[in-house]
Amino acid sequence: MARKKVPEDRWTSLKAAISRKWTDLTDEDLTAIKDDLDILAERLQKRYGISLEDAIESANQFLYDFREASLGAYRRARTAASQAAGTLDEVAHEYAWTAVAGAFLLGGLIGYICGREDRRRSYWF
């Protein structure tokens, strides 16, 4: 069986969820689970005294629910970002010259600040 290592960027949230659900798991258990996700069922069997089949079923259900919750959060964030982009596009089209003027002023301000920084450095060096 191939080892299923948990990606580093997902481990923190998965570890927290596992710790909330199964409080008897130790830090050593969690470290082993991070390196090989298949160990989760074995550690559940050991800590909770349940059959391996029940532990596998419980672990698989948990991981499925965790994945679905993560996908749901991703979809909600993507929808919100899309709506925000649509609203920004509408505002930019409705107030085109205002948007152009705002971008021009912001660019000028950033250029001024960056230019000042360069002059200050060239004066001292």
N, C-alpha and C. Protein backbone atom coordinates (compact mmCIF):
# COMPACT_ATOMS: atom_id res chain seq x y z
N MET A 1 0.84 -1.18 0.00
CA MET A 1 0.00 0.00 0.00
C MET A 1 0.88 1.25 0.00
N ALA A 2 0.58 2.19 -0.84
CA ALA A 2 1.36 3.43 -0.94
C ALA A 2 1.07 4.33 0.25
N ARG A 3 2.12 4.98 0.71
CA ARG A 3 1.95 5.92 1.82
C ARG A 3 1.26 7.18 1.32
N LYS A 4 0.32 7.66 2.12
CA LYS A 4 -0.41 8.88 1.77
C LYS A 4 0.04 10.00 2.71
N LYS A 5 1.05 10.72 2.31
CA LYS A 5 1.57 11.82 3.11
C LYS A 5 0.65 13.03 2.94
N VAL A 6 0.35 13.68 4.05
CA VAL A 6 -0.52 14.85 4.03
C VAL A 6 0.30 16.06 3.59
N PRO A 7 -0.17 16.81 2.58
CA PRO A 7 0.56 18.01 2.15
C PRO A 7 0.70 19.00 3.30
N GLU A 8 1.84 19.65 3.38
CA GLU A 8 2.15 20.56 4.49
C GLU A 8 1.11 21.68 4.64
N ASP A 9 0.60 22.22 3.53
CA ASP A 9 -0.34 23.33 3.61
C ASP A 9 -1.71 22.90 4.14
N ARG A 10 -2.00 21.63 4.12
CA ARG A 10 -3.29 21.14 4.62
C ARG A 10 -3.18 20.50 6.00
N TRP A 11 -1.98 20.23 6.44
CA TRP A 11 -1.81 19.48 7.67
C TRP A 11 -2.34 20.21 8.89
N THR A 12 -2.14 21.51 9.00
CA THR A 12 -2.55 22.24 10.20
C THR A 12 -4.05 22.12 10.43
N SER A 13 -4.84 22.35 9.40
CA SER A 13 -6.30 22.27 9.58
C SER A 13 -6.75 20.83 9.79
N LEU A 14 -6.13 19.87 9.10
CA LEU A 14 -6.49 18.47 9.29
C LEU A 14 -6.12 18.00 10.68
N LYS A 15 -4.96 18.39 11.15
CA LYS A 15 -4.51 18.01 12.50
C LYS A 15 -5.48 18.55 13.55
N ALA A 16 -5.90 19.80 13.40
CA ALA A 16 -6.83 20.39 14.36
C ALA A 16 -8.16 19.64 14.35
N ALA A 17 -8.64 19.30 13.17
CA ALA A 17 -9.91 18.56 13.07
C ALA A 17 -9.79 17.17 13.67
N ILE A 18 -8.69 16.50 13.42
CA ILE A 18 -8.48 15.16 13.99
C ILE A 18 -8.41 15.26 15.51
N SER A 19 -7.69 16.25 16.02
CA SER A 19 -7.55 16.42 17.47
C SER A 19 -8.88 16.72 18.15
N ARG A 20 -9.75 17.49 17.47
CA ARG A 20 -11.07 17.79 18.03
C ARG A 20 -11.95 16.54 18.07
N LYS A 21 -11.87 15.74 17.01
CA LYS A 21 -12.73 14.56 16.93
C LYS A 21 -12.25 13.43 17.83
N TRP A 22 -10.95 13.17 17.84
CA TRP A 22 -10.40 12.06 18.61
C TRP A 22 -9.38 12.61 19.60
N THR A 23 -9.86 12.95 20.79
CA THR A 23 -9.02 13.60 21.80
C THR A 23 -8.00 12.68 22.44
N ASP A 24 -8.16 11.38 22.31
CA ASP A 24 -7.21 10.44 22.91
C ASP A 24 -5.94 10.25 22.08
N LEU A 25 -5.91 10.76 20.87
CA LEU A 25 -4.71 10.63 20.05
C LEU A 25 -3.62 11.55 20.57
N THR A 26 -2.41 11.05 20.64
CA THR A 26 -1.28 11.81 21.17
C THR A 26 -0.58 12.58 20.06
N ASP A 27 0.34 13.43 20.46
CA ASP A 27 1.15 14.15 19.47
C ASP A 27 1.98 13.18 18.63
N GLU A 28 2.43 12.12 19.25
CA GLU A 28 3.18 11.08 18.51
C GLU A 28 2.29 10.44 17.45
N ASP A 29 1.03 10.18 17.82
CA ASP A 29 0.08 9.62 16.85
C ASP A 29 -0.11 10.59 15.68
N LEU A 30 -0.29 11.85 16.00
CA LEU A 30 -0.53 12.85 14.95
C LEU A 30 0.67 12.99 14.02
N THR A 31 1.88 12.92 14.58
CA THR A 31 3.08 12.98 13.74
C THR A 31 3.14 11.78 12.81
N ALA A 32 2.80 10.61 13.32
CA ALA A 32 2.81 9.40 12.48
C ALA A 32 1.74 9.49 11.39
N ILE A 33 0.59 10.04 11.75
CA ILE A 33 -0.50 10.19 10.78
C ILE A 33 -0.11 11.17 9.68
N LYS A 34 0.62 12.22 10.04
CA LYS A 34 1.06 13.21 9.04
C LYS A 34 1.94 12.55 7.98
N ASP A 35 2.80 11.65 8.41
CA ASP A 35 3.71 11.00 7.48
C ASP A 35 3.06 9.89 6.68
N ASP A 36 1.97 9.32 7.20
CA ASP A 36 1.28 8.25 6.49
C ASP A 36 -0.18 8.23 6.96
N LEU A 37 -1.06 8.75 6.14
CA LEU A 37 -2.47 8.90 6.51
C LEU A 37 -3.15 7.56 6.77
N ASP A 38 -2.63 6.48 6.19
CA ASP A 38 -3.22 5.16 6.43
C ASP A 38 -3.08 4.71 7.88
N ILE A 39 -2.18 5.32 8.63
CA ILE A 39 -1.97 4.95 10.03
C ILE A 39 -3.12 5.43 10.91
N LEU A 40 -3.91 6.38 10.45
CA LEU A 40 -5.01 6.91 11.25
C LEU A 40 -5.90 5.80 11.78
N ALA A 41 -6.31 4.88 10.94
CA ALA A 41 -7.19 3.79 11.37
C ALA A 41 -6.50 2.91 12.40
N GLU A 42 -5.21 2.63 12.19
CA GLU A 42 -4.47 1.80 13.14
C GLU A 42 -4.40 2.47 14.51
N ARG A 43 -4.15 3.77 14.52
CA ARG A 43 -4.07 4.50 15.79
C ARG A 43 -5.44 4.60 16.46
N LEU A 44 -6.50 4.73 15.68
CA LEU A 44 -7.85 4.74 16.26
C LEU A 44 -8.15 3.39 16.91
N GLN A 45 -7.79 2.33 16.23
CA GLN A 45 -8.01 0.99 16.78
C GLN A 45 -7.26 0.83 18.10
N LYS A 46 -6.01 1.28 18.14
CA LYS A 46 -5.18 1.15 19.33
C LYS A 46 -5.70 1.99 20.49
N ARG A 47 -6.04 3.27 20.23
CA ARG A 47 -6.43 4.19 21.30
C ARG A 47 -7.86 3.97 21.80
N TYR A 48 -8.74 3.54 20.92
CA TYR A 48 -10.16 3.44 21.29
C TYR A 48 -10.64 2.00 21.43
N GLY A 49 -9.78 1.03 21.14
CA GLY A 49 -10.14 -0.37 21.33
C GLY A 49 -11.28 -0.84 20.44
N ILE A 50 -11.34 -0.35 19.21
CA ILE A 50 -12.39 -0.76 18.28
C ILE A 50 -11.78 -1.67 17.22
N SER A 51 -12.63 -2.34 16.49
CA SER A 51 -12.13 -3.25 15.45
C SER A 51 -11.48 -2.44 14.33
N LEU A 52 -10.59 -3.08 13.59
CA LEU A 52 -9.91 -2.40 12.51
C LEU A 52 -10.90 -1.95 11.45
N GLU A 53 -11.92 -2.77 11.17
CA GLU A 53 -12.93 -2.40 10.17
C GLU A 53 -13.68 -1.14 10.59
N ASP A 54 -14.06 -1.07 11.88
CA ASP A 54 -14.76 0.12 12.38
C ASP A 54 -13.85 1.35 12.34
N ALA A 55 -12.57 1.15 12.66
CA ALA A 55 -11.62 2.25 12.63
C ALA A 55 -11.43 2.76 11.21
N ILE A 56 -11.32 1.84 10.26
CA ILE A 56 -11.16 2.23 8.86
C ILE A 56 -12.39 2.99 8.37
N GLU A 57 -13.56 2.48 8.71
CA GLU A 57 -14.80 3.14 8.31
C GLU A 57 -14.91 4.53 8.91
N SER A 58 -14.57 4.65 10.19
CA SER A 58 -14.64 5.94 10.87
C SER A 58 -13.63 6.93 10.27
N ALA A 59 -12.42 6.47 10.02
CA ALA A 59 -11.39 7.33 9.44
C ALA A 59 -11.79 7.77 8.03
N ASN A 60 -12.27 6.82 7.23
CA ASN A 60 -12.67 7.17 5.87
C ASN A 60 -13.83 8.15 5.85
N GLN A 61 -14.80 7.98 6.72
CA GLN A 61 -15.94 8.89 6.79
C GLN A 61 -15.48 10.28 7.23
N PHE A 62 -14.60 10.32 8.21
CA PHE A 62 -14.06 11.60 8.67
C PHE A 62 -13.33 12.32 7.55
N LEU A 63 -12.44 11.60 6.86
CA LEU A 63 -11.67 12.21 5.78
C LEU A 63 -12.56 12.67 4.64
N TYR A 64 -13.61 11.90 4.34
CA TYR A 64 -14.56 12.30 3.31
C TYR A 64 -15.27 13.59 3.72
N ASP A 65 -15.76 13.63 4.97
CA ASP A 65 -16.46 14.82 5.46
C ASP A 65 -15.52 16.04 5.48
N PHE A 66 -14.27 15.81 5.88
CA PHE A 66 -13.29 16.90 5.91
C PHE A 66 -13.05 17.44 4.50
N ARG A 67 -12.90 16.55 3.55
CA ARG A 67 -12.67 16.96 2.17
C ARG A 67 -13.87 17.73 1.63
N GLU A 68 -15.08 17.23 1.89
CA GLU A 68 -16.28 17.92 1.42
C GLU A 68 -16.42 19.31 2.05
N ALA A 69 -16.10 19.41 3.34
CA ALA A 69 -16.16 20.72 4.00
C ALA A 69 -15.14 21.68 3.40
N SER A 70 -13.95 21.16 3.10
CA SER A 70 -12.91 22.00 2.49
C SER A 70 -13.32 22.45 1.10
N LEU A 71 -13.89 21.54 0.32
CA LEU A 71 -14.35 21.90 -1.02
C LEU A 71 -15.48 22.91 -0.95
N GLY A 72 -16.37 22.75 0.02
CA GLY A 72 -17.46 23.71 0.18
C GLY A 72 -16.94 25.10 0.50
N ALA A 73 -15.94 25.17 1.38
CA ALA A 73 -15.35 26.47 1.72
C ALA A 73 -14.67 27.08 0.51
N TYR A 74 -13.98 26.26 -0.26
CA TYR A 74 -13.31 26.74 -1.48
C TYR A 74 -14.35 27.28 -2.47
N ARG A 75 -15.43 26.55 -2.65
CA ARG A 75 -16.46 27.00 -3.60
C ARG A 75 -17.11 28.31 -3.15
N ARG A 76 -17.36 28.43 -1.85
CA ARG A 76 -17.94 29.68 -1.34
C ARG A 76 -16.98 30.85 -1.54
N ALA A 77 -15.70 30.63 -1.29
CA ALA A 77 -14.71 31.69 -1.48
C ALA A 77 -14.59 32.07 -2.95
N ARG A 78 -14.62 31.06 -3.82
CA ARG A 78 -14.53 31.34 -5.26
C ARG A 78 -15.75 32.12 -5.73
N THR A 79 -16.93 31.76 -5.24
CA THR A 79 -18.15 32.47 -5.60
C THR A 79 -18.10 33.92 -5.11
N ALA A 80 -17.65 34.11 -3.87
CA ALA A 80 -17.56 35.46 -3.32
C ALA A 80 -16.57 36.31 -4.10
N ALA A 81 -15.43 35.73 -4.47
CA ALA A 81 -14.43 36.46 -5.25
C ALA A 81 -14.98 36.82 -6.64
N SER A 82 -15.71 35.89 -7.23
CA SER A 82 -16.30 36.14 -8.54
C SER A 82 -17.34 37.26 -8.46
N GLN A 83 -18.16 37.24 -7.42
CA GLN A 83 -19.15 38.30 -7.25
C GLN A 83 -18.49 39.65 -7.01
N ALA A 84 -17.42 39.66 -6.22
CA ALA A 84 -16.70 40.92 -5.96
C ALA A 84 -16.08 41.45 -7.25
N ALA A 85 -15.52 40.56 -8.05
CA ALA A 85 -14.93 40.98 -9.33
C ALA A 85 -16.01 41.53 -10.26
N GLY A 86 -17.18 40.88 -10.26
CA GLY A 86 -18.29 41.37 -11.09
C GLY A 86 -18.76 42.74 -10.66
N THR A 87 -18.85 42.93 -9.35
CA THR A 87 -19.27 44.23 -8.82
C THR A 87 -18.24 45.31 -9.16
N LEU A 88 -16.97 44.97 -9.01
CA LEU A 88 -15.91 45.92 -9.35
C LEU A 88 -15.95 46.27 -10.83
N ASP A 89 -16.20 45.28 -11.67
CA ASP A 89 -16.28 45.52 -13.11
C ASP A 89 -17.45 46.44 -13.44
N GLU A 90 -18.59 46.20 -12.78
CA GLU A 90 -19.76 47.06 -13.01
C GLU A 90 -19.47 48.50 -12.60
N VAL A 91 -18.85 48.67 -11.45
CA VAL A 91 -18.54 50.01 -10.95
C VAL A 91 -17.54 50.69 -11.89
N ALA A 92 -16.53 49.94 -12.34
CA ALA A 92 -15.52 50.52 -13.23
C ALA A 92 -16.15 50.95 -14.56
N HIS A 93 -17.13 50.16 -15.05
CA HIS A 93 -17.79 50.54 -16.29
C HIS A 93 -18.74 51.72 -16.10
N GLU A 94 -19.41 51.73 -14.96
CA GLU A 94 -20.37 52.80 -14.71
C GLU A 94 -19.67 54.13 -14.44
N TYR A 95 -18.57 54.06 -13.76
CA TYR A 95 -17.81 55.26 -13.42
C TYR A 95 -16.42 55.17 -14.05
N ALA A 96 -16.37 55.03 -15.35
CA ALA A 96 -15.12 54.77 -16.05
C ALA A 96 -14.09 55.87 -15.81
N TRP A 97 -14.48 57.11 -15.98
CA TRP A 97 -13.51 58.19 -15.83
C TRP A 97 -13.06 58.35 -14.39
N THR A 98 -13.95 58.09 -13.48
CA THR A 98 -13.57 58.14 -12.07
C THR A 98 -12.55 57.04 -11.76
N ALA A 99 -12.78 55.85 -12.33
CA ALA A 99 -11.84 54.75 -12.14
C ALA A 99 -10.48 55.07 -12.75
N VAL A 100 -10.48 55.67 -13.93
CA VAL A 100 -9.23 56.05 -14.59
C VAL A 100 -8.50 57.09 -13.75
N ALA A 101 -9.23 58.09 -13.27
CA ALA A 101 -8.61 59.13 -12.45
C ALA A 101 -8.06 58.54 -11.15
N GLY A 102 -8.80 57.65 -10.53
CA GLY A 102 -8.34 57.01 -9.30
C GLY A 102 -7.07 56.20 -9.54
N ALA A 103 -7.05 55.44 -10.63
CA ALA A 103 -5.86 54.64 -10.96
C ALA A 103 -4.67 55.56 -11.24
N PHE A 104 -4.92 56.66 -11.95
CA PHE A 104 -3.86 57.62 -12.26
C PHE A 104 -3.28 58.23 -10.99
N LEU A 105 -4.17 58.65 -10.08
CA LEU A 105 -3.71 59.25 -8.84
C LEU A 105 -2.97 58.24 -7.96
N LEU A 106 -3.48 57.04 -7.89
CA LEU A 106 -2.82 56.01 -7.11
C LEU A 106 -1.44 55.69 -7.69
N GLY A 107 -1.36 55.56 -9.01
CA GLY A 107 -0.07 55.32 -9.66
C GLY A 107 0.91 56.46 -9.42
N GLY A 108 0.40 57.69 -9.50
CA GLY A 108 1.26 58.85 -9.23
C GLY A 108 1.76 58.87 -7.80
N LEU A 109 0.88 58.53 -6.86
CA LEU A 109 1.28 58.50 -5.45
C LEU A 109 2.34 57.43 -5.22
N ILE A 110 2.12 56.26 -5.77
CA ILE A 110 3.10 55.18 -5.61
C ILE A 110 4.43 55.56 -6.26
N GLY A 111 4.37 56.15 -7.45
CA GLY A 111 5.59 56.60 -8.11
C GLY A 111 6.33 57.65 -7.31
N TYR A 112 5.59 58.57 -6.72
CA TYR A 112 6.20 59.62 -5.90
C TYR A 112 6.91 59.02 -4.69
N ILE A 113 6.21 58.09 -4.02
CA ILE A 113 6.79 57.46 -2.82
C ILE A 113 8.04 56.66 -3.19
N CYS A 114 7.96 55.90 -4.26
CA CYS A 114 9.12 55.11 -4.70
C CYS A 114 10.25 56.03 -5.14
N GLY A 115 9.92 57.11 -5.80
CA GLY A 115 10.93 58.06 -6.24
C GLY A 115 11.63 58.73 -5.08
N ARG A 116 10.88 59.07 -4.06
CA ARG A 116 11.47 59.69 -2.87
C ARG A 116 12.44 58.73 -2.22
N GLU A 117 12.05 57.47 -2.14
CA GLU A 117 12.90 56.46 -1.52
C GLU A 117 14.21 56.32 -2.28
N ASP A 118 14.15 56.34 -3.61
CA ASP A 118 15.35 56.23 -4.43
C ASP A 118 16.26 57.44 -4.23
N ARG A 119 15.67 58.63 -4.18
CA ARG A 119 16.49 59.83 -3.98
C ARG A 119 17.17 59.82 -2.63
N ARG A 120 16.44 59.35 -1.61
CA ARG A 120 17.02 59.32 -0.27
C ARG A 120 18.20 58.36 -0.24
N ARG A 121 18.06 57.21 -0.88
CA ARG A 121 19.15 56.25 -0.90
C ARG A 121 20.34 56.79 -1.69
N SER A 122 20.10 57.44 -2.83
CA SER A 122 21.20 57.93 -3.65
C SER A 122 21.93 59.08 -2.94
N TYR A 123 21.25 59.81 -2.11
CA TYR A 123 21.88 60.89 -1.38
C TYR A 123 22.89 60.36 -0.38
N TRP A 124 22.55 59.26 0.28
CA TRP A 124 23.42 58.72 1.33
C TRP A 124 24.47 57.77 0.79
N PHE A 125 24.28 57.21 -0.37
CA PHE A 125 25.24 56.20 -0.86
C PHE A 125 25.95 56.65 -2.09
